[in-house]
Protein backbone atom coordinates (compact mmCIF):
# COMPACT_ATOMS: atom_id res chain seq x y z
CA MET A 1 0.04 0.01 0.22
CA GLY A 2 1.23 3.53 -0.93
CA LYS A 3 2.06 6.21 1.50
CA SER A 4 -0.53 8.54 2.99
CA LYS A 5 -0.67 12.14 1.87
CA THR A 6 0.55 13.14 5.53
CA GLN A 7 3.60 10.90 5.21
CA ARG A 8 4.26 12.43 1.74
CA ALA A 9 3.93 15.89 3.09
CA HIS A 10 6.32 15.03 5.94
CA GLU A 11 8.96 13.63 3.58
CA LEU A 12 8.60 16.78 1.41
CA ARG A 13 9.40 18.88 4.44
CA GLU A 14 12.46 16.72 5.14
CA ARG A 15 13.72 17.19 1.51
CA ILE A 16 12.92 20.92 1.74
CA GLU A 17 14.94 21.30 5.03
CA ALA A 18 17.92 19.21 3.38
CA TYR A 19 17.91 21.67 0.41
CA PHE A 20 18.04 24.62 2.79
CA ARG A 21 20.99 22.91 4.82
CA ARG A 22 22.92 22.43 1.75
CA ARG A 23 22.48 26.00 0.58
CA GLU A 24 23.63 27.01 4.21
CA GLU A 25 26.69 24.90 3.82
CA GLU A 26 27.46 26.52 0.46
CA ASN A 27 26.58 29.95 1.62
CA ARG A 28 24.06 30.35 -1.01
CA PHE A 29 20.57 31.93 -1.09
CA PRO A 30 17.90 29.05 -1.26
CA THR A 31 15.97 30.04 -4.48
CA GLU A 32 12.56 28.93 -5.24
CA ALA A 33 13.83 27.58 -8.53
CA GLY A 34 16.86 25.91 -6.88
CA LEU A 35 14.33 24.20 -4.50
CA LEU A 36 12.12 22.83 -7.31
CA LEU A 37 15.38 21.59 -9.13
CA SER A 38 16.29 19.78 -5.97
CA LEU A 39 13.00 18.13 -5.51
CA ASP A 40 12.96 17.19 -9.27
CA LEU A 41 9.62 19.10 -9.76
CA SER A 42 8.40 20.91 -12.85
CA GLU A 43 6.58 24.09 -12.43
CA GLU A 44 3.35 22.28 -13.41
CA GLN A 45 3.88 19.55 -10.72
CA TYR A 46 4.61 22.47 -8.17
CA GLU A 47 1.45 24.30 -9.18
CA LYS A 48 -0.58 21.10 -8.61
CA LEU A 49 1.06 20.50 -5.29
CA LEU A 50 0.23 24.07 -4.09
CA GLY A 51 -3.42 23.39 -4.76
CA ASP A 52 -3.35 20.72 -1.71
CA ARG A 53 -3.46 22.30 1.90
CA LEU A 54 -0.87 19.67 3.18
CA PHE A 55 1.83 20.23 0.54
CA ARG A 56 1.03 24.19 0.36
CA ARG A 57 1.66 24.38 4.02
CA GLU A 58 5.40 22.97 3.30
CA PHE A 59 6.09 25.25 0.44
CA ASP A 60 4.74 28.17 2.52
CA ARG A 61 7.25 27.26 5.14
CA ALA A 62 9.95 27.27 2.49
CA ARG A 63 8.80 30.87 1.43
CA LEU A 64 9.15 31.95 5.01
CA ALA A 65 12.44 30.65 5.33
CA ARG A 66 13.75 32.40 2.24
CA MET A 67 12.24 35.59 3.83
CA ASP A 68 14.11 34.93 7.12
CA TRP A 69 17.21 34.38 5.08
CA LEU A 70 16.88 37.58 3.07
CA GLU A 71 15.91 39.70 6.15
CA ASN A 72 18.74 38.40 8.37
CA HIS A 73 21.47 38.88 5.65
CA MET A 74 20.05 42.30 4.67
CA VAL A 75 20.65 43.56 8.15
CA THR A 76 23.71 41.68 9.31
CA GLU A 77 25.87 41.92 6.28
CA SER A 78 26.95 45.17 4.77
CA GLY A 79 26.59 45.65 0.99
CA ARG A 80 23.63 43.10 0.80
CA ALA A 81 20.77 45.41 1.77
CA THR A 82 19.64 46.51 -1.76
CA GLY A 83 20.08 43.05 -3.20
CA CYS A 84 18.05 41.42 -0.42
CA MET A 85 15.42 43.98 -0.59
CA ASN A 86 15.08 43.49 -4.36
CA ALA A 87 14.59 39.73 -3.62
CA LEU A 88 12.05 40.39 -0.87
CA LYS A 89 9.89 42.52 -3.29
CA GLN A 90 9.43 39.46 -5.64
CA GLU A 91 6.18 37.67 -4.62
CA LYS A 92 7.74 34.28 -4.14
CA ASN A 93 10.15 35.75 -1.48
CA GLY A 94 7.32 37.90 0.55
CA GLY A 95 6.26 40.62 -1.92
CA TYR A 96 7.38 43.29 0.20
CA LEU A 97 6.39 47.09 -0.92
CA ASP A 98 8.81 49.81 -0.56
CA ARG A 99 6.55 52.65 1.10
CA SER A 100 9.36 54.87 2.30
CA GLY A 101 8.28 58.30 2.30
CA GLN A 102 4.62 57.47 1.46
CA SER A 103 1.65 58.30 3.98
CA GLY A 104 -0.28 55.47 2.32
CA ARG A 105 -3.23 57.81 1.27
CA GLU A 106 -3.47 60.10 -1.69
CA GLN A 107 -2.81 63.76 -0.99
CA LYS A 108 -3.91 66.75 -3.32
CA LEU A 109 -2.57 70.23 -3.78
CA VAL A 110 -5.28 72.66 -4.90
CA ILE A 111 -4.00 75.95 -6.31
CA CYS A 112 -6.50 78.91 -6.40
CA LEU A 113 -5.71 81.28 -9.37
CA THR A 114 -8.45 83.58 -8.55
CA GLY A 115 -7.29 87.33 -9.08
CA VAL A 116 -4.26 86.31 -11.12
CA GLY A 117 -3.43 87.17 -14.74
CA ASP A 118 -4.94 89.48 -17.24
CA GLY A 119 -8.01 91.37 -16.09
CA ALA A 120 -7.17 90.82 -12.41
CA ALA A 121 -7.74 93.61 -9.77
CA GLY A 122 -5.79 96.74 -10.89
């Protein structure tokens, strides 16, 4: 008899964690593409697995682990902030938005020109 879905999800987690350990040993960022190659998954197979709650949870954990890697390297290693932030802006790595200097709401500037120009009060 085959393995249950829960067992397969647990094995997927172990394989994902092994991928992250290898990348850590190599001092390389654990990319989504690298993970899929390591798991020998096509993008189509990956999309299908994302449709299942148990498998999606494991890939969500992997996304959080990538975000953790990027956030930590961004603040602890000089010269990496821009590259890490650019990667964090990608949907697959967190989808961060750069809101620096923005209040989050639209602001308007209205200029009244009453009394200015030809024919104005003289």
